[in-house]
Amino acid sequence: MQNLLPHLLIPEYQERRDNRRTPNLFNEKLAQVYKYFLLNKDKELIPVHDEIDFIKDYIFLVQLRHDERIQLQLNFVEENINNILIIPCALQILVENVIKHNEFTNHQPLRILMSIDGEYLSIENQVKLKQGVDSTQIGLKNLDAQYLLLCNKNIVVEENGSRFIVKLPLIKNAKKELHDKYSYYRRREIIAGETIANIRRSVT
């Protein structure tokens, strides 16, 4: 996350010089984005509702440049996500990736849909690829590596030609998962120790 903030904000800040309609709201959203980054840049996981608030502020800044040509739709009840955790700026990385690689106009806006099912938080968009923009998928690979490290699960990427979907595994209670994981290995150590002790006793 160290290099994320300047890349995220510089274009929106430059656009701000010619936008006099909502200066106070712009400054408020900009401050919230900076605050979010500074508070969470060294954390492994954060509550997903904090990330949702952050992505709303980020989309506001993006829309200063693109107006309604970029639209975000949240297809879930926000009160139902209180126990879910996420990697900081994971949604921003995915949204930025969608904007970077797809075309959008006033008549054909880019709609980004976020939804949650039993296992994943999904980010979906219609594919309208820009010409001459190559994809290294480094951001996706980095996210996948982080999720694999933190919860032993991979992200899921689905593309059928007209839709592109990235699914982030839900981490519902990291402390419980870590406790269960520790307990599992601890139980194996105890069983293994008891087995070795029994073998030694039988030998002697």
C-alpha atoms as a PDB file:
ATOM      1  CA  MET A   1       0.000   0.000   0.000  1.00  0.00           C
ATOM      2  CA  GLN A   2       2.986   2.331   0.316  1.00  0.00           C
ATOM      3  CA  ASN A   3       2.776   3.640  -3.259  1.00  0.00           C
ATOM      4  CA  LEU A   4      -0.990   3.568  -3.575  1.00  0.00           C
ATOM      5  CA  LEU A   5      -2.056   6.968  -2.305  1.00  0.00           C
ATOM      6  CA  PRO A   6      -0.239   9.364  -4.670  1.00  0.00           C
ATOM      7  CA  HIS A   7      -1.292   7.308  -7.699  1.00  0.00           C
ATOM      8  CA  LEU A   8      -4.843   7.219  -6.410  1.00  0.00           C
ATOM      9  CA  LEU A   9      -5.263  10.919  -5.718  1.00  0.00           C
ATOM     10  CA  ILE A  10      -3.085  13.016  -8.001  1.00  0.00           C
ATOM     11  CA  PRO A  11      -5.421  12.944 -11.046  1.00  0.00           C
ATOM     12  CA  GLU A  12      -8.456  13.763  -8.899  1.00  0.00           C
ATOM     13  CA  TYR A  13      -6.565  16.585  -7.193  1.00  0.00           C
ATOM     14  CA  GLN A  14      -5.562  18.084 -10.526  1.00  0.00           C
ATOM     15  CA  GLU A  15      -9.186  17.933 -11.663  1.00  0.00           C
ATOM     16  CA  ARG A  16     -10.229  19.732  -8.473  1.00  0.00           C
ATOM     17  CA  ARG A  17      -8.604  22.964  -9.701  1.00  0.00           C
ATOM     18  CA  ASP A  18     -11.351  23.366 -12.309  1.00  0.00           C
ATOM     19  CA  ASN A  19     -14.212  22.131 -10.163  1.00  0.00           C
ATOM     20  CA  ARG A  20     -15.856  24.810  -8.007  1.00  0.00           C
ATOM     21  CA  ARG A  21     -19.192  23.133  -7.384  1.00  0.00           C
ATOM     22  CA  THR A  22     -18.419  21.082  -4.285  1.00  0.00           C
ATOM     23  CA  PRO A  23     -15.150  22.313  -2.752  1.00  0.00           C
ATOM     24  CA  ASN A  24     -16.120  21.578   0.848  1.00  0.00           C
ATOM     25  CA  LEU A  25     -17.369  18.093   0.039  1.00  0.00           C
ATOM     26  CA  PHE A  26     -14.271  17.425  -2.027  1.00  0.00           C
ATOM     27  CA  ASN A  27     -12.004  18.431   0.850  1.00  0.00           C
ATOM     28  CA  GLU A  28     -14.017  16.259   3.237  1.00  0.00           C
ATOM     29  CA  LYS A  29     -13.796  13.188   0.986  1.00  0.00           C
ATOM     30  CA  LEU A  30     -10.129  13.774   0.283  1.00  0.00           C
ATOM     31  CA  ALA A  31      -9.412  14.004   4.007  1.00  0.00           C
ATOM     32  CA  GLN A  32     -11.328  10.773   4.650  1.00  0.00           C
ATOM     33  CA  VAL A  33      -9.336   8.938   1.987  1.00  0.00           C
ATOM     34  CA  TYR A  34      -6.028  10.155   3.420  1.00  0.00           C
ATOM     35  CA  LYS A  35      -7.142   9.242   6.932  1.00  0.00           C
ATOM     36  CA  TYR A  36      -8.191   5.770   5.858  1.00  0.00           C
ATOM     37  CA  PHE A  37      -4.891   5.136   4.162  1.00  0.00           C
ATOM     38  CA  LEU A  38      -2.776   6.383   7.064  1.00  0.00           C
ATOM     39  CA  LEU A  39      -4.756   4.441   9.680  1.00  0.00           C
ATOM     40  CA  ASN A  40      -4.793   1.143   7.797  1.00  0.00           C
ATOM     41  CA  LYS A  41      -1.648   1.031   5.655  1.00  0.00           C
ATOM     42  CA  ASP A  42       0.150  -1.298   8.076  1.00  0.00           C
ATOM     43  CA  LYS A  43      -2.804  -3.548   8.939  1.00  0.00           C
ATOM     44  CA  GLU A  44      -3.388  -6.991   7.492  1.00  0.00           C
ATOM     45  CA  LEU A  45      -7.186  -6.972   7.843  1.00  0.00           C
ATOM     46  CA  ILE A  46      -9.890  -4.397   8.551  1.00  0.00           C
ATOM     47  CA  PRO A  47     -13.706  -4.436   8.848  1.00  0.00           C
ATOM     48  CA  VAL A  48     -15.274  -4.565   5.400  1.00  0.00           C
ATOM     49  CA  HIS A  49     -17.723  -1.760   6.239  1.00  0.00           C
ATOM     50  CA  ASP A  50     -14.713   0.560   6.676  1.00  0.00           C
ATOM     51  CA  GLU A  51     -13.490  -0.472   3.230  1.00  0.00           C
ATOM     52  CA  ILE A  52     -16.976   0.166   1.782  1.00  0.00           C
ATOM     53  CA  ASP A  53     -17.018   3.689   3.228  1.00  0.00           C
ATOM     54  CA  PHE A  54     -13.557   4.233   1.771  1.00  0.00           C
ATOM     55  CA  ILE A  55     -14.552   3.027  -1.697  1.00  0.00           C
ATOM     56  CA  LYS A  56     -17.547   5.370  -1.675  1.00  0.00           C
ATOM     57  CA  ASP A  57     -15.226   8.309  -0.985  1.00  0.00           C
ATOM     58  CA  TYR A  58     -12.848   7.089  -3.668  1.00  0.00           C
ATOM     59  CA  ILE A  59     -15.658   6.814  -6.231  1.00  0.00           C
ATOM     60  CA  PHE A  60     -16.744  10.355  -5.357  1.00  0.00           C
ATOM     61  CA  LEU A  61     -13.263  11.627  -6.218  1.00  0.00           C
ATOM     62  CA  VAL A  62     -13.223   9.602  -9.435  1.00  0.00           C
ATOM     63  CA  GLN A  63     -16.607  11.000 -10.425  1.00  0.00           C
ATOM     64  CA  LEU A  64     -15.255  14.524 -10.208  1.00  0.00           C
ATOM     65  CA  ARG A  65     -13.405  13.657 -13.398  1.00  0.00           C
ATOM     66  CA  HIS A  66     -15.888  11.284 -15.016  1.00  0.00           C
ATOM     67  CA  ASP A  67     -19.281  12.334 -13.597  1.00  0.00           C
ATOM     68  CA  GLU A  68     -21.904   9.588 -13.932  1.00  0.00           C
ATOM     69  CA  ARG A  69     -19.889   7.703 -16.533  1.00  0.00           C
ATOM     70  CA  ILE A  70     -18.681   5.556 -13.635  1.00  0.00           C
ATOM     71  CA  GLN A  71     -21.299   4.122 -11.313  1.00  0.00           C
ATOM     72  CA  LEU A  72     -21.028   1.930  -8.232  1.00  0.00           C
ATOM     73  CA  GLN A  73     -23.867  -0.325  -7.101  1.00  0.00           C
ATOM     74  CA  LEU A  74     -23.830  -2.126  -3.753  1.00  0.00           C
ATOM     75  CA  ASN A  75     -26.053  -5.182  -3.929  1.00  0.00           C
ATOM     76  CA  PHE A  76     -26.162  -6.097  -0.247  1.00  0.00           C
ATOM     77  CA  VAL A  77     -27.443  -4.786   3.066  1.00  0.00           C
ATOM     78  CA  GLU A  78     -24.574  -3.020   4.789  1.00  0.00           C
ATOM     79  CA  GLU A  79     -25.863  -3.974   8.238  1.00  0.00           C
ATOM     80  CA  ASN A  80     -25.159  -7.623   7.344  1.00  0.00           C
ATOM     81  CA  ILE A  81     -21.407  -7.190   6.865  1.00  0.00           C
ATOM     82  CA  ASN A  82     -20.375  -6.225  10.386  1.00  0.00           C
ATOM     83  CA  ASN A  83     -18.454  -9.458  11.048  1.00  0.00           C
ATOM     84  CA  ILE A  84     -16.575  -9.583   7.749  1.00  0.00           C
ATOM     85  CA  LEU A  85     -12.938  -8.551   7.336  1.00  0.00           C
ATOM     86  CA  ILE A  86     -10.988  -7.574   4.226  1.00  0.00           C
ATOM     87  CA  ILE A  87      -7.471  -6.625   3.158  1.00  0.00           C
ATOM     88  CA  PRO A  88      -7.093  -2.818   3.197  1.00  0.00           C
ATOM     89  CA  CYS A  89      -7.639  -1.191  -0.223  1.00  0.00           C
ATOM     90  CA  ALA A  90      -8.516  -4.518  -1.859  1.00  0.00           C
ATOM     91  CA  LEU A  91     -11.723  -3.076  -3.309  1.00  0.00           C
ATOM     92  CA  GLN A  92      -9.954   0.076  -4.482  1.00  0.00           C
ATOM     93  CA  ILE A  93      -7.375  -1.988  -6.348  1.00  0.00           C
ATOM     94  CA  LEU A  94     -10.133  -3.912  -8.126  1.00  0.00           C
ATOM     95  CA  VAL A  95     -12.217  -0.822  -8.923  1.00  0.00           C
ATOM     96  CA  GLU A  96      -9.177   1.015 -10.254  1.00  0.00           C
ATOM     97  CA  ASN A  97      -8.384  -2.018 -12.407  1.00  0.00           C
ATOM     98  CA  VAL A  98     -11.902  -1.965 -13.880  1.00  0.00           C
ATOM     99  CA  ILE A  99     -11.665   1.753 -14.682  1.00  0.00           C
ATOM    100  CA  LYS A 100      -8.209   1.400 -16.192  1.00  0.00           C
ATOM    101  CA  HIS A 101      -9.099  -1.375 -18.630  1.00  0.00           C
ATOM    102  CA  ASN A 102     -12.633  -0.497 -19.748  1.00  0.00           C
ATOM    103  CA  GLU A 103     -14.183   2.194 -21.907  1.00  0.00           C
ATOM    104  CA  PHE A 104     -17.108   4.301 -20.704  1.00  0.00           C
ATOM    105  CA  THR A 105     -19.154   7.201 -22.064  1.00  0.00           C
ATOM    106  CA  ASN A 106     -22.143   9.306 -21.032  1.00  0.00           C
ATOM    107  CA  HIS A 107     -24.437   7.005 -23.003  1.00  0.00           C
ATOM    108  CA  GLN A 108     -22.688   3.792 -21.927  1.00  0.00           C
ATOM    109  CA  PRO A 109     -21.482   4.282 -18.357  1.00  0.00           C
ATOM    110  CA  LEU A 110     -19.244   1.788 -16.598  1.00  0.00           C
ATOM    111  CA  ARG A 111     -21.291   0.075 -13.899  1.00  0.00           C
ATOM    112  CA  ILE A 112     -19.451  -1.711 -11.116  1.00  0.00           C
ATOM    113  CA  LEU A 113     -21.507  -4.120  -9.036  1.00  0.00           C
ATOM    114  CA  MET A 114     -20.485  -5.351  -5.600  1.00  0.00           C
ATOM    115  CA  SER A 115     -22.354  -8.242  -4.005  1.00  0.00           C
ATOM    116  CA  ILE A 116     -21.928 -10.760  -1.198  1.00  0.00           C
ATOM    117  CA  ASP A 117     -22.966 -14.393  -1.096  1.00  0.00           C
ATOM    118  CA  GLY A 118     -22.189 -17.040   1.481  1.00  0.00           C
ATOM    119  CA  GLU A 119     -18.490 -17.303   0.652  1.00  0.00           C
ATOM    120  CA  TYR A 120     -17.341 -14.308  -1.409  1.00  0.00           C
ATOM    121  CA  LEU A 121     -17.494 -10.578  -1.867  1.00  0.00           C
ATOM    122  CA  SER A 122     -17.757 -10.135  -5.645  1.00  0.00           C
ATOM    123  CA  ILE A 123     -16.849  -7.193  -7.889  1.00  0.00           C
ATOM    124  CA  GLU A 124     -18.425  -7.449 -11.327  1.00  0.00           C
ATOM    125  CA  ASN A 125     -18.442  -5.299 -14.459  1.00  0.00           C
ATOM    126  CA  GLN A 126     -19.356  -5.506 -18.105  1.00  0.00           C
ATOM    127  CA  VAL A 127     -16.271  -5.889 -20.311  1.00  0.00           C
ATOM    128  CA  LYS A 128     -15.661  -3.000 -22.733  1.00  0.00           C
ATOM    129  CA  LEU A 129     -11.901  -3.231 -23.106  1.00  0.00           C
ATOM    130  CA  LYS A 130      -9.864  -0.192 -24.041  1.00  0.00           C
ATOM    131  CA  GLN A 131      -7.559  -0.533 -27.001  1.00  0.00           C
ATOM    132  CA  GLY A 132      -3.821  -0.528 -26.323  1.00  0.00           C
ATOM    133  CA  VAL A 133      -4.050  -1.139 -22.563  1.00  0.00           C
ATOM    134  CA  ASP A 134      -2.127  -4.237 -21.531  1.00  0.00           C
ATOM    135  CA  SER A 135      -2.926  -6.200 -18.401  1.00  0.00           C
ATOM    136  CA  THR A 136      -0.136  -7.678 -16.282  1.00  0.00           C
ATOM    137  CA  GLN A 137      -2.611  -8.803 -13.563  1.00  0.00           C
ATOM    138  CA  ILE A 138       0.000  -7.934 -10.948  1.00  0.00           C
ATOM    139  CA  GLY A 139      -2.658  -6.449  -8.667  1.00  0.00           C
ATOM    140  CA  LEU A 140      -4.754  -9.621  -8.848  1.00  0.00           C
ATOM    141  CA  LYS A 141      -1.733 -11.823  -8.253  1.00  0.00           C
ATOM    142  CA  ASN A 142      -0.706  -9.783  -5.212  1.00  0.00           C
ATOM    143  CA  LEU A 143      -4.218  -9.937  -3.759  1.00  0.00           C
ATOM    144  CA  ASP A 144      -4.354 -13.667  -4.351  1.00  0.00           C
ATOM    145  CA  ALA A 145      -1.035 -14.146  -2.564  1.00  0.00           C
ATOM    146  CA  GLN A 146      -2.215 -12.084   0.415  1.00  0.00           C
ATOM    147  CA  TYR A 147      -5.471 -14.003   0.771  1.00  0.00           C
ATOM    148  CA  LEU A 148      -3.649 -17.306   0.473  1.00  0.00           C
ATOM    149  CA  LEU A 149      -1.267 -16.221   3.211  1.00  0.00           C
ATOM    150  CA  LEU A 150      -3.892 -14.814   5.575  1.00  0.00           C
ATOM    151  CA  CYS A 151      -6.752 -17.293   5.239  1.00  0.00           C
ATOM    152  CA  ASN A 152      -5.447 -20.109   3.045  1.00  0.00           C
ATOM    153  CA  LYS A 153      -7.947 -19.270   0.292  1.00  0.00           C
ATOM    154  CA  ASN A 154      -7.536 -18.031  -3.265  1.00  0.00           C
ATOM    155  CA  ILE A 155      -9.441 -15.249  -4.916  1.00  0.00           C
ATOM    156  CA  VAL A 156     -11.614 -16.346  -7.836  1.00  0.00           C
ATOM    157  CA  VAL A 157     -11.469 -14.660 -11.260  1.00  0.00           C
ATOM    158  CA  GLU A 158     -14.212 -15.369 -13.789  1.00  0.00           C
ATOM    159  CA  GLU A 159     -14.428 -13.982 -17.338  1.00  0.00           C
ATOM    160  CA  ASN A 160     -16.910 -15.074 -19.978  1.00  0.00           C
ATOM    161  CA  GLY A 161     -16.261 -12.448 -22.622  1.00  0.00           C
ATOM    162  CA  SER A 162     -18.982 -10.007 -21.596  1.00  0.00           C
ATOM    163  CA  ARG A 163     -18.603 -10.006 -17.800  1.00  0.00           C
ATOM    164  CA  PHE A 164     -15.530  -9.861 -15.572  1.00  0.00           C
ATOM    165  CA  ILE A 165     -15.889 -10.946 -11.958  1.00  0.00           C
ATOM    166  CA  VAL A 166     -13.403 -11.064  -9.103  1.00  0.00           C
ATOM    167  CA  LYS A 167     -14.462 -12.849  -5.916  1.00  0.00           C
ATOM    168  CA  LEU A 168     -12.702 -12.159  -2.614  1.00  0.00           C
ATOM    169  CA  PRO A 169     -13.061 -14.866   0.049  1.00  0.00           C
ATOM    170  CA  LEU A 170     -15.037 -13.744   3.079  1.00  0.00           C
ATOM    171  CA  ILE A 171     -13.045 -13.647   6.286  1.00  0.00           C
ATOM    172  CA  LYS A 172     -15.753 -13.635   8.904  1.00  0.00           C
ATOM    173  CA  ASN A 173     -13.784 -13.880  12.102  1.00  0.00           C
ATOM    174  CA  ALA A 174     -10.011 -13.859  11.764  1.00  0.00           C
ATOM    175  CA  LYS A 175      -9.356 -14.385  15.464  1.00  0.00           C
ATOM    176  CA  LYS A 176     -11.562 -17.461  15.548  1.00  0.00           C
ATOM    177  CA  GLU A 177      -9.951 -18.859  12.386  1.00  0.00           C
ATOM    178  CA  LEU A 178      -6.489 -18.329  13.834  1.00  0.00           C
ATOM    179  CA  HIS A 179      -7.578 -19.880  17.128  1.00  0.00           C
ATOM    180  CA  ASP A 180      -9.083 -22.883  15.352  1.00  0.00           C
ATOM    181  CA  LYS A 181      -5.973 -23.269  13.243  1.00  0.00           C
ATOM    182  CA  TYR A 182      -3.755 -23.113  16.324  1.00  0.00           C
ATOM    183  CA  SER A 183      -6.001 -25.550  18.173  1.00  0.00           C
ATOM    184  CA  TYR A 184      -5.898 -27.980  15.253  1.00  0.00           C
ATOM    185  CA  TYR A 185      -2.104 -28.052  15.130  1.00  0.00           C
ATOM    186  CA  ARG A 186      -1.890 -28.090  18.917  1.00  0.00           C
ATOM    187  CA  ARG A 187      -4.181 -31.128  19.040  1.00  0.00           C
ATOM    188  CA  ARG A 188      -1.990 -32.857  16.451  1.00  0.00           C
ATOM    189  CA  GLU A 189       1.091 -32.143  18.561  1.00  0.00           C
ATOM    190  CA  ILE A 190      -0.592 -33.571  21.671  1.00  0.00           C
ATOM    191  CA  ILE A 191      -1.770 -36.694  19.840  1.00  0.00           C
ATOM    192  CA  ALA A 192       1.662 -37.177  18.286  1.00  0.00           C
ATOM    193  CA  GLY A 193       3.320 -36.750  21.692  1.00  0.00           C
ATOM    194  CA  GLU A 194       1.000 -39.246  23.319  1.00  0.00           C
ATOM    195  CA  THR A 195       1.587 -41.737  20.495  1.00  0.00           C
ATOM    196  CA  ILE A 196       5.357 -41.477  20.833  1.00  0.00           C
ATOM    197  CA  ALA A 197       5.101 -41.848  24.602  1.00  0.00           C
ATOM    198  CA  ASN A 198       2.965 -44.991  24.216  1.00  0.00           C
ATOM    199  CA  ILE A 199       5.436 -46.489  21.757  1.00  0.00           C
ATOM    200  CA  ARG A 200       8.311 -45.820  24.125  1.00  0.00           C
ATOM    201  CA  ARG A 201       6.456 -47.430  27.011  1.00  0.00           C
ATOM    202  CA  SER A 202       5.632 -50.495  24.929  1.00  0.00           C
ATOM    203  CA  VAL A 203       9.274 -50.848  23.905  1.00  0.00           C
ATOM    204  CA  THR A 204      10.564 -50.577  27.445  1.00  0.00           C
END
